[in-house]
Protein backbone atom coordinates (compact mmCIF):
# COMPACT_ATOMS: atom_id res chain seq x y z
CA MET A 1 80.52 159.12 135.34
CA ALA A 2 78.61 160.86 138.13
CA ARG A 3 75.58 162.97 137.29
CA GLU A 4 75.62 166.64 138.14
CA GLN A 5 73.52 167.53 141.15
CA VAL A 6 71.70 170.69 140.08
CA THR A 7 69.83 172.88 142.56
CA GLU A 8 67.18 175.22 141.22
CA ILE A 9 66.85 178.46 143.17
CA VAL A 10 63.26 179.64 142.83
CA ALA A 11 61.24 182.78 143.52
CA GLU A 12 59.21 182.57 146.70
CA MET A 13 56.74 185.25 145.58
CA VAL A 14 55.65 187.39 142.65
CA ALA A 15 58.33 190.05 142.25
CA ASN A 16 60.39 192.16 139.88
CA VAL A 17 64.02 191.22 139.23
CA LEU A 18 66.20 194.19 140.21
CA THR A 19 69.66 192.70 139.72
CA VAL A 20 71.37 189.42 138.99
CA ALA A 21 74.53 189.22 141.10
CA VAL A 22 76.17 186.18 139.49
CA SER A 23 77.15 184.84 136.07
CA PRO A 24 77.39 181.28 134.72
CA GLY A 25 80.60 179.69 135.99
CA ASP A 26 80.77 181.80 139.16
CA PRO A 27 81.52 179.89 142.38
CA VAL A 28 79.03 180.52 145.21
CA VAL A 29 78.90 179.64 148.89
CA ALA A 30 75.98 179.37 151.29
CA GLY A 31 74.58 182.81 152.02
CA ASP A 32 75.68 184.46 148.76
CA THR A 33 73.05 186.66 147.11
CA VAL A 34 72.37 185.50 143.55
CA VAL A 35 69.37 187.68 142.65
CA LEU A 36 67.81 190.79 144.17
CA LEU A 37 64.03 190.93 143.87
CA GLU A 38 61.60 193.79 144.60
CA SER A 39 58.06 193.28 145.79
CA MET A 40 55.78 195.89 147.32
CA LYS A 41 58.71 198.39 147.45
CA MET A 42 60.83 195.98 149.51
CA GLU A 43 64.11 194.53 148.28
CA ILE A 44 64.40 190.78 148.81
CA PRO A 45 67.80 189.09 148.37
CA VAL A 46 67.63 185.51 147.08
CA LEU A 47 70.41 183.47 148.70
CA VAL A 48 72.21 180.27 147.83
CA GLU A 49 71.87 177.55 150.48
CA ALA A 50 74.89 175.37 149.59
CA PRO A 51 78.23 175.82 147.84
CA GLY A 52 78.53 175.20 144.14
CA THR A 53 78.97 176.75 140.71
CA VAL A 54 76.35 178.77 138.84
CA ARG A 55 75.25 176.72 135.83
CA ALA A 56 72.54 178.95 134.36
CA ILE A 57 70.73 182.24 134.91
CA LYS A 58 67.05 182.03 134.00
CA VAL A 59 66.05 185.69 134.58
CA ALA A 60 67.24 189.20 133.73
CA PRO A 61 66.81 192.59 135.40
CA GLY A 62 63.33 193.93 134.66
CA ASP A 63 61.70 190.49 134.47
CA VAL A 64 58.58 189.79 136.52
CA VAL A 65 58.70 186.38 138.19
CA GLN A 66 55.95 184.27 139.66
CA GLU A 67 56.14 182.13 142.79
CA GLY A 68 58.07 178.97 141.92
CA ASP A 69 59.82 180.36 138.82
CA VAL A 70 63.43 179.18 138.51
CA LEU A 71 65.87 182.07 138.90
CA VAL A 72 69.27 180.37 138.92
CA GLU A 73 70.64 176.82 138.58
CA VAL A 74 73.62 175.85 140.75
CA VAL A 75 75.70 172.68 140.38
CA ALA A 76 76.71 171.21 143.76
CA GLY A 77 80.33 171.16 144.68
């Protein structure tokens, strides 16, 4: 049995979570926005880099995230 290849999508800066655009089980492709962050009055979309399926959401709107915090887990495929 092959192990799942899980990619963690992380915050690149301290920011507020504005919206979460996906749910567990959703298919995603490269370039899809999974989370919209806000920092210094600028909206920053967080994009998926490879196709897969959303496994877990680790944040909610209104959360404050730090650089390196996991936002979403995506299973390859």
